[in-house]
Amino acid sequence: MLIIGGGPGGMNAAIAAARRGHDVTLWEKEDRLGGQFIAAGCTPGKGDYITYVYSLDRTVRQLGVKVELNKEATADDVRAFGADKVIIATGGVGRVPEEIPGIAGDARVIMARTSCAAA
């Protein structure tokens, strides 16, 4: 089984599949698991998001899921992998709320994804 996306959804799918006896490989295009929860966890008072991601990551690895980081899935790669089942859990994409006047280009505005790069 191949799971594309290493955010909370992809990791939970990998955990469920591994616990049911599947041989699971998880591809994540970034250099770490966690997806949008990494940025969310950088907000003051929201550190539990990071704790949750680390817990999922640990469980995924304990269950023997093969994790490939920096692996962006293409249709050709997925076909070549030859999985009997594929789950696409690519999650969401953060957005800048353009309806807030002056948000674009204001040096005082820092997006969580940018400010949390080292988390």
PDB file of N, CA and C in Angstrom:
ATOM      1  N   MET A   1       0.850  -1.174   0.000  1.00  0.00           N
ATOM      2  CA  MET A   1       0.000   0.000   0.000  1.00  0.00           C
ATOM      3  C   MET A   1       0.891   1.230   0.000  1.00  0.00           C
ATOM      4  N   LEU A   2       0.488   2.225  -0.782  1.00  0.00           N
ATOM      5  CA  LEU A   2       1.212   3.487  -0.864  1.00  0.00           C
ATOM      6  C   LEU A   2       0.320   4.601  -0.357  1.00  0.00           C
ATOM      7  N   ILE A   3       0.854   5.414   0.530  1.00  0.00           N
ATOM      8  CA  ILE A   3       0.141   6.589   1.016  1.00  0.00           C
ATOM      9  C   ILE A   3       0.944   7.809   0.614  1.00  0.00           C
ATOM     10  N   ILE A   4       0.272   8.730  -0.047  1.00  0.00           N
ATOM     11  CA  ILE A   4       0.906   9.953  -0.508  1.00  0.00           C
ATOM     12  C   ILE A   4       0.451  11.081   0.400  1.00  0.00           C
ATOM     13  N   GLY A   5       1.397  11.653   1.133  1.00  0.00           N
ATOM     14  CA  GLY A   5       1.105  12.751   2.049  1.00  0.00           C
ATOM     15  C   GLY A   5       1.405  12.371   3.484  1.00  0.00           C
ATOM     16  N   GLY A   6       2.288  13.134   4.109  1.00  0.00           N
ATOM     17  CA  GLY A   6       2.742  12.816   5.457  1.00  0.00           C
ATOM     18  C   GLY A   6       2.227  13.755   6.525  1.00  0.00           C
ATOM     19  N   GLY A   7       1.067  14.350   6.291  1.00  0.00           N
ATOM     20  CA  GLY A   7       0.430  15.136   7.344  1.00  0.00           C
ATOM     21  C   GLY A   7      -0.322  14.205   8.285  1.00  0.00           C
ATOM     22  N   PRO A   8      -1.107  14.755   9.197  1.00  0.00           N
ATOM     23  CA  PRO A   8      -1.851  13.917  10.140  1.00  0.00           C
ATOM     24  C   PRO A   8      -2.762  12.893   9.459  1.00  0.00           C
ATOM     25  N   GLY A   9      -3.414  13.282   8.367  1.00  0.00           N
ATOM     26  CA  GLY A   9      -4.290  12.344   7.660  1.00  0.00           C
ATOM     27  C   GLY A   9      -3.523  11.167   7.085  1.00  0.00           C
ATOM     28  N   GLY A  10      -2.415  11.454   6.416  1.00  0.00           N
ATOM     29  CA  GLY A  10      -1.601  10.389   5.833  1.00  0.00           C
ATOM     30  C   GLY A  10      -0.988   9.491   6.889  1.00  0.00           C
ATOM     31  N   MET A  11      -0.511  10.099   7.980  1.00  0.00           N
ATOM     32  CA  MET A  11       0.079   9.287   9.048  1.00  0.00           C
ATOM     33  C   MET A  11      -0.972   8.410   9.724  1.00  0.00           C
ATOM     34  N   ASN A  12      -2.172   8.947   9.952  1.00  0.00           N
ATOM     35  CA  ASN A  12      -3.230   8.125  10.546  1.00  0.00           C
ATOM     36  C   ASN A  12      -3.648   7.003   9.616  1.00  0.00           C
ATOM     37  N   ALA A  13      -3.698   7.266   8.318  1.00  0.00           N
ATOM     38  CA  ALA A  13      -4.010   6.209   7.356  1.00  0.00           C
ATOM     39  C   ALA A  13      -2.927   5.135   7.377  1.00  0.00           C
ATOM     40  N   ALA A  14      -1.666   5.553   7.455  1.00  0.00           N
ATOM     41  CA  ALA A  14      -0.555   4.603   7.502  1.00  0.00           C
ATOM     42  C   ALA A  14      -0.626   3.742   8.760  1.00  0.00           C
ATOM     43  N   ILE A  15      -0.940   4.362   9.872  1.00  0.00           N
ATOM     44  CA  ILE A  15      -1.057   3.624  11.141  1.00  0.00           C
ATOM     45  C   ILE A  15      -2.178   2.598  11.057  1.00  0.00           C
ATOM     46  N   ALA A  16      -3.331   3.022  10.575  1.00  0.00           N
ATOM     47  CA  ALA A  16      -4.475   2.106  10.477  1.00  0.00           C
ATOM     48  C   ALA A  16      -4.164   0.936   9.544  1.00  0.00           C
ATOM     49  N   ALA A  17      -3.549   1.231   8.395  1.00  0.00           N
ATOM     50  CA  ALA A  17      -3.228   0.174   7.437  1.00  0.00           C
ATOM     51  C   ALA A  17      -2.182  -0.781   7.993  1.00  0.00           C
ATOM     52  N   ALA A  18      -1.150  -0.247   8.624  1.00  0.00           N
ATOM     53  CA  ALA A  18      -0.100  -1.096   9.194  1.00  0.00           C
ATOM     54  C   ALA A  18      -0.665  -1.993  10.290  1.00  0.00           C
ATOM     55  N   ARG A  19      -1.550  -1.452  11.118  1.00  0.00           N
ATOM     56  CA  ARG A  19      -2.161  -2.256  12.188  1.00  0.00           C
ATOM     57  C   ARG A  19      -3.054  -3.358  11.635  1.00  0.00           C
ATOM     58  N   ARG A  20      -3.501  -3.189  10.399  1.00  0.00           N
ATOM     59  CA  ARG A  20      -4.329  -4.211   9.762  1.00  0.00           C
ATOM     60  C   ARG A  20      -3.487  -5.186   8.932  1.00  0.00           C
ATOM     61  N   GLY A  21      -2.169  -5.056   9.053  1.00  0.00           N
ATOM     62  CA  GLY A  21      -1.280  -6.019   8.423  1.00  0.00           C
ATOM     63  C   GLY A  21      -0.765  -5.649   7.047  1.00  0.00           C
ATOM     64  N   HIS A  22      -1.060  -4.462   6.556  1.00  0.00           N
ATOM     65  CA  HIS A  22      -0.568  -4.054   5.240  1.00  0.00           C
ATOM     66  C   HIS A  22       0.907  -3.662   5.308  1.00  0.00           C
ATOM     67  N   ASP A  23       1.587  -3.885   4.209  1.00  0.00           N
ATOM     68  CA  ASP A  23       2.956  -3.402   4.021  1.00  0.00           C
ATOM     69  C   ASP A  23       2.800  -1.983   3.477  1.00  0.00           C
ATOM     70  N   VAL A  24       3.165  -0.978   4.270  1.00  0.00           N
ATOM     71  CA  VAL A  24       2.840   0.412   3.948  1.00  0.00           C
ATOM     72  C   VAL A  24       4.104   1.226   3.674  1.00  0.00           C
ATOM     73  N   THR A  25       4.018   2.011   2.603  1.00  0.00           N
ATOM     74  CA  THR A  25       5.032   3.006   2.294  1.00  0.00           C
ATOM     75  C   THR A  25       4.336   4.359   2.254  1.00  0.00           C
ATOM     76  N   LEU A  26       4.965   5.359   2.867  1.00  0.00           N
ATOM     77  CA  LEU A  26       4.407   6.709   2.913  1.00  0.00           C
ATOM     78  C   LEU A  26       5.388   7.666   2.245  1.00  0.00           C
ATOM     79  N   TRP A  27       4.894   8.426   1.259  1.00  0.00           N
ATOM     80  CA  TRP A  27       5.707   9.427   0.582  1.00  0.00           C
ATOM     81  C   TRP A  27       5.305  10.812   1.060  1.00  0.00           C
ATOM     82  N   GLU A  28       6.291  11.630   1.398  1.00  0.00           N
ATOM     83  CA  GLU A  28       6.055  13.020   1.797  1.00  0.00           C
ATOM     84  C   GLU A  28       6.987  13.908   1.003  1.00  0.00           C
ATOM     85  N   LYS A  29       6.435  14.952   0.369  1.00  0.00           N
ATOM     86  CA  LYS A  29       7.268  15.813  -0.484  1.00  0.00           C
ATOM     87  C   LYS A  29       8.182  16.742   0.303  1.00  0.00           C
ATOM     88  N   GLU A  30       7.861  17.004   1.560  1.00  0.00           N
ATOM     89  CA  GLU A  30       8.710  17.871   2.388  1.00  0.00           C
ATOM     90  C   GLU A  30       9.807  17.044   3.059  1.00  0.00           C
ATOM     91  N   ASP A  31      10.653  17.709   3.849  1.00  0.00           N
ATOM     92  CA  ASP A  31      11.756  17.005   4.506  1.00  0.00           C
ATOM     93  C   ASP A  31      11.396  16.496   5.900  1.00  0.00           C
ATOM     94  N   ARG A  32      10.113  16.574   6.260  1.00  0.00           N
ATOM     95  CA  ARG A  32       9.650  16.044   7.545  1.00  0.00           C
ATOM     96  C   ARG A  32       8.156  15.796   7.466  1.00  0.00           C
ATOM     97  N   LEU A  33       7.687  14.957   8.347  1.00  0.00           N
ATOM     98  CA  LEU A  33       6.260  14.673   8.431  1.00  0.00           C
ATOM     99  C   LEU A  33       5.568  15.769   9.239  1.00  0.00           C
ATOM    100  N   GLY A  34       4.280  15.906   9.041  1.00  0.00           N
ATOM    101  CA  GLY A  34       3.504  16.838   9.856  1.00  0.00           C
ATOM    102  C   GLY A  34       2.592  17.765   9.098  1.00  0.00           C
ATOM    103  N   GLY A  35       2.925  18.082   7.872  1.00  0.00           N
ATOM    104  CA  GLY A  35       2.069  18.942   7.070  1.00  0.00           C
ATOM    105  C   GLY A  35       1.781  20.289   7.719  1.00  0.00           C
ATOM    106  N   GLN A  36       0.557  20.753   7.574  1.00  0.00           N
ATOM    107  CA  GLN A  36       0.142  22.051   8.092  1.00  0.00           C
ATOM    108  C   GLN A  36       0.154  22.113   9.616  1.00  0.00           C
ATOM    109  N   PHE A  37       0.152  20.952  10.275  1.00  0.00           N
ATOM    110  CA  PHE A  37       0.167  20.951  11.740  1.00  0.00           C
ATOM    111  C   PHE A  37       1.480  21.509  12.289  1.00  0.00           C
ATOM    112  N   ILE A  38       2.553  21.446  11.526  1.00  0.00           N
ATOM    113  CA  ILE A  38       3.818  22.016  11.982  1.00  0.00           C
ATOM    114  C   ILE A  38       3.660  23.528  12.143  1.00  0.00           C
ATOM    115  N   ALA A  39       3.131  24.181  11.116  1.00  0.00           N
ATOM    116  CA  ALA A  39       2.922  25.627  11.201  1.00  0.00           C
ATOM    117  C   ALA A  39       1.898  25.970  12.270  1.00  0.00           C
ATOM    118  N   ALA A  40       0.832  25.194  12.347  1.00  0.00           N
ATOM    119  CA  ALA A  40      -0.203  25.460  13.353  1.00  0.00           C
ATOM    120  C   ALA A  40       0.373  25.377  14.759  1.00  0.00           C
ATOM    121  N   GLY A  41       1.285  24.468  14.976  1.00  0.00           N
ATOM    122  CA  GLY A  41       1.879  24.281  16.292  1.00  0.00           C
ATOM    123  C   GLY A  41       2.820  25.380  16.720  1.00  0.00           C
ATOM    124  N   CYS A  42       3.210  26.242  15.794  1.00  0.00           N
ATOM    125  CA  CYS A  42       4.100  27.357  16.139  1.00  0.00           C
ATOM    126  C   CYS A  42       3.350  28.532  16.740  1.00  0.00           C
ATOM    127  N   THR A  43       2.060  28.538  16.623  1.00  0.00           N
ATOM    128  CA  THR A  43       1.248  29.606  17.199  1.00  0.00           C
ATOM    129  C   THR A  43       1.295  29.475  18.717  1.00  0.00           C
ATOM    130  N   PRO A  44       1.521  30.566  19.417  1.00  0.00           N
ATOM    131  CA  PRO A  44       1.549  30.482  20.888  1.00  0.00           C
ATOM    132  C   PRO A  44       0.292  29.800  21.444  1.00  0.00           C
ATOM    133  N   GLY A  45       0.514  28.845  22.339  1.00  0.00           N
ATOM    134  CA  GLY A  45      -0.589  28.109  22.947  1.00  0.00           C
ATOM    135  C   GLY A  45      -1.057  26.911  22.146  1.00  0.00           C
ATOM    136  N   LYS A  46      -0.448  26.662  20.989  1.00  0.00           N
ATOM    137  CA  LYS A  46      -0.879  25.556  20.133  1.00  0.00           C
ATOM    138  C   LYS A  46       0.194  24.476  19.990  1.00  0.00           C
ATOM    139  N   GLY A  47       1.094  24.398  20.946  1.00  0.00           N
ATOM    140  CA  GLY A  47       2.180  23.422  20.882  1.00  0.00           C
ATOM    141  C   GLY A  47       1.720  21.980  20.864  1.00  0.00           C
ATOM    142  N   ASP A  48       0.479  21.732  21.284  1.00  0.00           N
ATOM    143  CA  ASP A  48      -0.034  20.361  21.251  1.00  0.00           C
ATOM    144  C   ASP A  48      -0.096  19.807  19.836  1.00  0.00           C
ATOM    145  N   TYR A  49      -0.193  20.678  18.830  1.00  0.00           N
ATOM    146  CA  TYR A  49      -0.179  20.204  17.450  1.00  0.00           C
ATOM    147  C   TYR A  49       1.156  19.521  17.144  1.00  0.00           C
ATOM    148  N   ILE A  50       2.239  20.128  17.588  1.00  0.00           N
ATOM    149  CA  ILE A  50       3.570  19.562  17.359  1.00  0.00           C
ATOM    150  C   ILE A  50       3.711  18.244  18.122  1.00  0.00           C
ATOM    151  N   THR A  51       3.243  18.225  19.360  1.00  0.00           N
ATOM    152  CA  THR A  51       3.292  16.999  20.158  1.00  0.00           C
ATOM    153  C   THR A  51       2.535  15.876  19.456  1.00  0.00           C
ATOM    154  N   TYR A  52       1.377  16.199  18.899  1.00  0.00           N
ATOM    155  CA  TYR A  52       0.565  15.213  18.185  1.00  0.00           C
ATOM    156  C   TYR A  52       1.311  14.682  16.963  1.00  0.00           C
ATOM    157  N   VAL A  53       1.929  15.576  16.209  1.00  0.00           N
ATOM    158  CA  VAL A  53       2.689  15.158  15.026  1.00  0.00           C
ATOM    159  C   VAL A  53       3.825  14.223  15.426  1.00  0.00           C
ATOM    160  N   TYR A  54       4.570  14.571  16.480  1.00  0.00           N
ATOM    161  CA  TYR A  54       5.667  13.714  16.927  1.00  0.00           C
ATOM    162  C   TYR A  54       5.154  12.351  17.376  1.00  0.00           C
ATOM    163  N   SER A  55       4.005  12.317  18.017  1.00  0.00           N
ATOM    164  CA  SER A  55       3.418  11.054  18.445  1.00  0.00           C
ATOM    165  C   SER A  55       3.047  10.186  17.238  1.00  0.00           C
ATOM    166  N   LEU A  56       2.418  10.801  16.240  1.00  0.00           N
ATOM    167  CA  LEU A  56       2.072  10.059  15.025  1.00  0.00           C
ATOM    168  C   LEU A  56       3.325   9.553  14.323  1.00  0.00           C
ATOM    169  N   ASP A  57       4.331  10.415  14.201  1.00  0.00           N
ATOM    170  CA  ASP A  57       5.588  10.047  13.545  1.00  0.00           C
ATOM    171  C   ASP A  57       6.209   8.831  14.241  1.00  0.00           C
ATOM    172  N   ARG A  58       6.267   8.880  15.558  1.00  0.00           N
ATOM    173  CA  ARG A  58       6.847   7.774  16.325  1.00  0.00           C
ATOM    174  C   ARG A  58       6.067   6.478  16.082  1.00  0.00           C
ATOM    175  N   THR A  59       4.752   6.557  16.098  1.00  0.00           N
ATOM    176  CA  THR A  59       3.921   5.369  15.895  1.00  0.00           C
ATOM    177  C   THR A  59       4.095   4.812  14.489  1.00  0.00           C
ATOM    178  N   VAL A  60       4.129   5.689  13.490  1.00  0.00           N
ATOM    179  CA  VAL A  60       4.339   5.262  12.102  1.00  0.00           C
ATOM    180  C   VAL A  60       5.627   4.455  11.995  1.00  0.00           C
ATOM    181  N   ARG A  61       6.664   4.958  12.583  1.00  0.00           N
ATOM    182  CA  ARG A  61       7.966   4.285  12.475  1.00  0.00           C
ATOM    183  C   ARG A  61       8.010   2.997  13.302  1.00  0.00           C
ATOM    184  N   GLN A  62       7.367   2.996  14.476  1.00  0.00           N
ATOM    185  CA  GLN A  62       7.327   1.786  15.306  1.00  0.00           C
ATOM    186  C   GLN A  62       6.590   0.657  14.597  1.00  0.00           C
ATOM    187  N   LEU A  63       5.614   1.010  13.791  1.00  0.00           N
ATOM    188  CA  LEU A  63       4.834   0.000  13.075  1.00  0.00           C
ATOM    189  C   LEU A  63       5.513  -0.475  11.793  1.00  0.00           C
ATOM    190  N   GLY A  64       6.675   0.075  11.493  1.00  0.00           N
ATOM    191  CA  GLY A  64       7.436  -0.385  10.335  1.00  0.00           C
ATOM    192  C   GLY A  64       7.020   0.205   9.002  1.00  0.00           C
ATOM    193  N   VAL A  65       6.280   1.310   9.045  1.00  0.00           N
ATOM    194  CA  VAL A  65       5.922   1.983   7.800  1.00  0.00           C
ATOM    195  C   VAL A  65       7.196   2.541   7.177  1.00  0.00           C
ATOM    196  N   LYS A  66       7.370   2.305   5.891  1.00  0.00           N
ATOM    197  CA  LYS A  66       8.526   2.852   5.181  1.00  0.00           C
ATOM    198  C   LYS A  66       8.209   4.302   4.836  1.00  0.00           C
ATOM    199  N   VAL A  67       8.993   5.224   5.345  1.00  0.00           N
ATOM    200  CA  VAL A  67       8.775   6.655   5.135  1.00  0.00           C
ATOM    201  C   VAL A  67       9.838   7.180   4.176  1.00  0.00           C
ATOM    202  N   GLU A  68       9.384   7.806   3.096  1.00  0.00           N
ATOM    203  CA  GLU A  68      10.295   8.429   2.142  1.00  0.00           C
ATOM    204  C   GLU A  68       9.999   9.922   2.130  1.00  0.00           C
ATOM    205  N   LEU A  69      10.940  10.695   2.680  1.00  0.00           N
ATOM    206  CA  LEU A  69      10.817  12.145   2.701  1.00  0.00           C
ATOM    207  C   LEU A  69      11.396  12.740   1.419  1.00  0.00           C
ATOM    208  N   ASN A  70      11.050  13.974   1.135  1.00  0.00           N
ATOM    209  CA  ASN A  70      11.504  14.654  -0.086  1.00  0.00           C
ATOM    210  C   ASN A  70      11.131  13.859  -1.335  1.00  0.00           C
ATOM    211  N   LYS A  71       9.966  13.231  -1.274  1.00  0.00           N
ATOM    212  CA  LYS A  71       9.501  12.394  -2.378  1.00  0.00           C
ATOM    213  C   LYS A  71       8.156  12.926  -2.876  1.00  0.00           C
ATOM    214  N   GLU A  72       8.214  13.675  -3.944  1.00  0.00           N
ATOM    215  CA  GLU A  72       6.985  14.200  -4.540  1.00  0.00           C
ATOM    216  C   GLU A  72       6.445  13.157  -5.512  1.00  0.00           C
ATOM    217  N   ALA A  73       5.184  12.827  -5.384  1.00  0.00           N
ATOM    218  CA  ALA A  73       4.573  11.777  -6.191  1.00  0.00           C
ATOM    219  C   ALA A  73       4.149  12.312  -7.555  1.00  0.00           C
ATOM    220  N   THR A  74       4.567  11.613  -8.581  1.00  0.00           N
ATOM    221  CA  THR A  74       4.055  11.872  -9.922  1.00  0.00           C
ATOM    222  C   THR A  74       3.245  10.650 -10.332  1.00  0.00           C
ATOM    223  N   ALA A  75       2.413  10.809 -11.320  1.00  0.00           N
ATOM    224  CA  ALA A  75       1.611   9.674 -11.788  1.00  0.00           C
ATOM    225  C   ALA A  75       2.510   8.527 -12.219  1.00  0.00           C
ATOM    226  N   ASP A  76       3.603   8.848 -12.898  1.00  0.00           N
ATOM    227  CA  ASP A  76       4.530   7.802 -13.349  1.00  0.00           C
ATOM    228  C   ASP A  76       5.169   7.077 -12.163  1.00  0.00           C
ATOM    229  N   ASP A  77       5.561   7.848 -11.124  1.00  0.00           N
ATOM    230  CA  ASP A  77       6.155   7.231  -9.932  1.00  0.00           C
ATOM    231  C   ASP A  77       5.169   6.295  -9.250  1.00  0.00           C
ATOM    232  N   VAL A  78       3.933   6.736  -9.147  1.00  0.00           N
ATOM    233  CA  VAL A  78       2.912   5.915  -8.484  1.00  0.00           C
ATOM    234  C   VAL A  78       2.681   4.634  -9.275  1.00  0.00           C
ATOM    235  N   ARG A  79       2.562   4.747 -10.594  1.00  0.00           N
ATOM    236  CA  ARG A  79       2.381   3.541 -11.417  1.00  0.00           C
ATOM    237  C   ARG A  79       3.581   2.616 -11.284  1.00  0.00           C
ATOM    238  N   ALA A  80       4.790   3.183 -11.303  1.00  0.00           N
ATOM    239  CA  ALA A  80       6.003   2.370 -11.216  1.00  0.00           C
ATOM    240  C   ALA A  80       6.123   1.682  -9.869  1.00  0.00           C
ATOM    241  N   PHE A  81       5.618   2.309  -8.832  1.00  0.00           N
ATOM    242  CA  PHE A  81       5.676   1.707  -7.497  1.00  0.00           C
ATOM    243  C   PHE A  81       4.876   0.401  -7.461  1.00  0.00           C
ATOM    244  N   GLY A  82       3.763   0.374  -8.175  1.00  0.00           N
ATOM    245  CA  GLY A  82       2.988  -0.856  -8.304  1.00  0.00           C
ATOM    246  C   GLY A  82       2.190  -1.254  -7.078  1.00  0.00           C
ATOM    247  N   ALA A  83       1.740  -0.300  -6.309  1.00  0.00           N
ATOM    248  CA  ALA A  83       0.964  -0.604  -5.098  1.00  0.00           C
ATOM    249  C   ALA A  83      -0.393  -1.199  -5.460  1.00  0.00           C
ATOM    250  N   ASP A  84      -0.868  -2.099  -4.607  1.00  0.00           N
ATOM    251  CA  ASP A  84      -2.210  -2.649  -4.817  1.00  0.00           C
ATOM    252  C   ASP A  84      -3.285  -1.644  -4.391  1.00  0.00           C
ATOM    253  N   LYS A  85      -2.926  -0.754  -3.473  1.00  0.00           N
ATOM    254  CA  LYS A  85      -3.829   0.298  -3.004  1.00  0.00           C
ATOM    255  C   LYS A  85      -3.022   1.585  -2.850  1.00  0.00           C
ATOM    256  N   VAL A  86      -3.657   2.728  -3.161  1.00  0.00           N
ATOM    257  CA  VAL A  86      -3.031   4.037  -2.999  1.00  0.00           C
ATOM    258  C   VAL A  86      -4.008   4.940  -2.279  1.00  0.00           C
ATOM    259  N   ILE A  87      -3.530   5.593  -1.239  1.00  0.00           N
ATOM    260  CA  ILE A  87      -4.319   6.605  -0.531  1.00  0.00           C
ATOM    261  C   ILE A  87      -3.648   7.944  -0.771  1.00  0.00           C
ATOM    262  N   ILE A  88      -4.420   8.897  -1.261  1.00  0.00           N
ATOM    263  CA  ILE A  88      -3.897  10.245  -1.482  1.00  0.00           C
ATOM    264  C   ILE A  88      -4.387  11.110  -0.332  1.00  0.00           C
ATOM    265  N   ALA A  89      -3.446  11.509   0.505  1.00  0.00           N
ATOM    266  CA  ALA A  89      -3.754  12.310   1.698  1.00  0.00           C
ATOM    267  C   ALA A  89      -2.893  13.563   1.678  1.00  0.00           C
ATOM    268  N   THR A  90      -3.049  14.330   0.606  1.00  0.00           N
ATOM    269  CA  THR A  90      -2.173  15.478   0.410  1.00  0.00           C
ATOM    270  C   THR A  90      -2.630  16.723   1.155  1.00  0.00           C
ATOM    271  N   GLY A  91      -3.749  16.656   1.818  1.00  0.00           N
ATOM    272  CA  GLY A  91      -4.148  17.712   2.745  1.00  0.00           C
ATOM    273  C   GLY A  91      -4.433  19.053   2.122  1.00  0.00           C
ATOM    274  N   GLY A  92      -4.307  20.063   2.953  1.00  0.00           N
ATOM    275  CA  GLY A  92      -4.652  21.420   2.554  1.00  0.00           C
ATOM    276  C   GLY A  92      -3.437  22.261   2.260  1.00  0.00           C
ATOM    277  N   VAL A  93      -3.720  23.426   1.754  1.00  0.00           N
ATOM    278  CA  VAL A  93      -2.692  24.402   1.459  1.00  0.00           C
ATOM    279  C   VAL A  93      -3.069  25.678   2.194  1.00  0.00           C
ATOM    280  N   GLY A  94      -2.118  26.209   2.937  1.00  0.00           N
ATOM    281  CA  GLY A  94      -2.384  27.458   3.645  1.00  0.00           C
ATOM    282  C   GLY A  94      -2.671  28.585   2.669  1.00  0.00           C
ATOM    283  N   ARG A  95      -3.444  29.537   3.116  1.00  0.00           N
ATOM    284  CA  ARG A  95      -3.752  30.667   2.246  1.00  0.00           C
ATOM    285  C   ARG A  95      -3.582  31.971   3.011  1.00  0.00           C
ATOM    286  N   VAL A  96      -3.331  33.010   2.274  1.00  0.00           N
ATOM    287  CA  VAL A  96      -3.240  34.348   2.839  1.00  0.00           C
ATOM    288  C   VAL A  96      -4.636  34.968   2.732  1.00  0.00           C
ATOM    289  N   PRO A  97      -5.201  35.398   3.841  1.00  0.00           N
ATOM    290  CA  PRO A  97      -6.551  35.981   3.788  1.00  0.00           C
ATOM    291  C   PRO A  97      -6.508  37.377   3.167  1.00  0.00           C
ATOM    292  N   GLU A  98      -6.679  37.429   1.872  1.00  0.00           N
ATOM    293  CA  GLU A  98      -6.544  38.682   1.119  1.00  0.00           C
ATOM    294  C   GLU A  98      -7.575  39.731   1.504  1.00  0.00           C
ATOM    295  N   GLU A  99      -8.654  39.320   2.160  1.00  0.00           N
ATOM    296  CA  GLU A  99      -9.694  40.275   2.527  1.00  0.00           C
ATOM    297  C   GLU A  99      -9.268  41.203   3.669  1.00  0.00           C
ATOM    298  N   ILE A 100      -8.095  40.966   4.245  1.00  0.00           N
ATOM    299  CA  ILE A 100      -7.583  41.847   5.292  1.00  0.00           C
ATOM    300  C   ILE A 100      -6.766  42.948   4.611  1.00  0.00           C
ATOM    301  N   PRO A 101      -7.239  44.188   4.685  1.00  0.00           N
ATOM    302  CA  PRO A 101      -6.532  45.279   3.998  1.00  0.00           C
ATOM    303  C   PRO A 101      -5.081  45.412   4.475  1.00  0.00           C
ATOM    304  N   GLY A 102      -4.176  45.522   3.515  1.00  0.00           N
ATOM    305  CA  GLY A 102      -2.783  45.766   3.825  1.00  0.00           C
ATOM    306  C   GLY A 102      -1.963  44.549   4.206  1.00  0.00           C
ATOM    307  N   ILE A 103      -2.557  43.351   4.188  1.00  0.00           N
ATOM    308  CA  ILE A 103      -1.818  42.162   4.644  1.00  0.00           C
ATOM    309  C   ILE A 103      -0.681  41.789   3.687  1.00  0.00           C
ATOM    310  N   ALA A 104      -0.915  41.963   2.414  1.00  0.00           N
ATOM    311  CA  ALA A 104       0.095  41.580   1.427  1.00  0.00           C
ATOM    312  C   ALA A 104       1.242  42.592   1.432  1.00  0.00           C
ATOM    313  N   GLY A 105       2.435  42.109   1.640  1.00  0.00           N
ATOM    314  CA  GLY A 105       3.610  42.944   1.569  1.00  0.00           C
ATOM    315  C   GLY A 105       3.916  43.754   2.819  1.00  0.00           C
ATOM    316  N   ASP A 106       3.145  43.589   3.859  1.00  0.00           N
ATOM    317  CA  ASP A 106       3.392  44.319   5.111  1.00  0.00           C
ATOM    318  C   ASP A 106       4.454  43.567   5.902  1.00  0.00           C
ATOM    319  N   ALA A 107       5.572  44.220   6.179  1.00  0.00           N
ATOM    320  CA  ALA A 107       6.692  43.580   6.876  1.00  0.00           C
ATOM    321  C   ALA A 107       6.316  43.128   8.287  1.00  0.00           C
ATOM    322  N   ARG A 108       5.252  43.691   8.823  1.00  0.00           N
ATOM    323  CA  ARG A 108       4.831  43.312  10.176  1.00  0.00           C
ATOM    324  C   ARG A 108       4.013  42.019  10.184  1.00  0.00           C
ATOM    325  N   VAL A 109       3.643  41.540   9.005  1.00  0.00           N
ATOM    326  CA  VAL A 109       2.835  40.322   8.890  1.00  0.00           C
ATOM    327  C   VAL A 109       3.774  39.156   8.607  1.00  0.00           C
ATOM    328  N   ILE A 110       3.720  38.163   9.479  1.00  0.00           N
ATOM    329  CA  ILE A 110       4.556  36.977   9.314  1.00  0.00           C
ATOM    330  C   ILE A 110       3.641  35.761   9.283  1.00  0.00           C
ATOM    331  N   MET A 111       3.725  34.999   8.220  1.00  0.00           N
ATOM    332  CA  MET A 111       2.893  33.808   8.093  1.00  0.00           C
ATOM    333  C   MET A 111       3.488  32.682   8.934  1.00  0.00           C
ATOM    334  N   ALA A 112       2.640  31.885   9.548  1.00  0.00           N
ATOM    335  CA  ALA A 112       3.087  30.811  10.429  1.00  0.00           C
ATOM    336  C   ALA A 112       4.041  29.863   9.725  1.00  0.00           C
ATOM    337  N   ARG A 113       3.753  29.522   8.494  1.00  0.00           N
ATOM    338  CA  ARG A 113       4.596  28.582   7.745  1.00  0.00           C
ATOM    339  C   ARG A 113       6.015  29.116   7.619  1.00  0.00           C
ATOM    340  N   THR A 114       6.160  30.424   7.459  1.00  0.00           N
ATOM    341  CA  THR A 114       7.469  31.037   7.322  1.00  0.00           C
ATOM    342  C   THR A 114       8.176  31.144   8.674  1.00  0.00           C
ATOM    343  N   SER A 115       7.446  31.559   9.680  1.00  0.00           N
ATOM    344  CA  SER A 115       8.051  31.801  10.976  1.00  0.00           C
ATOM    345  C   SER A 115       8.402  30.511  11.699  1.00  0.00           C
ATOM    346  N   CYS A 116       7.880  29.415  11.245  1.00  0.00           N
ATOM    347  CA  CYS A 116       8.040  28.151  11.953  1.00  0.00           C
ATOM    348  C   CYS A 116       8.943  27.186  11.200  1.00  0.00           C
ATOM    349  N   ALA A 117       9.702  27.647  10.291  1.00  0.00           N
ATOM    350  CA  ALA A 117      10.500  26.768   9.426  1.00  0.00           C
ATOM    351  C   ALA A 117      11.461  25.886  10.208  1.00  0.00           C
ATOM    352  N   ALA A 118      11.915  26.334  11.357  1.00  0.00           N
ATOM    353  CA  ALA A 118      12.918  25.562  12.109  1.00  0.00           C
ATOM    354  C   ALA A 118      12.303  24.647  13.153  1.00  0.00           C
ATOM    355  N   ALA A 119      10.988  24.609  13.276  1.00  0.00           N
ATOM    356  CA  ALA A 119      10.356  23.800  14.328  1.00  0.00           C
ATOM    357  C   ALA A 119      10.561  22.323  14.102  1.00  0.00           C
TER     358      ALA A 119
END
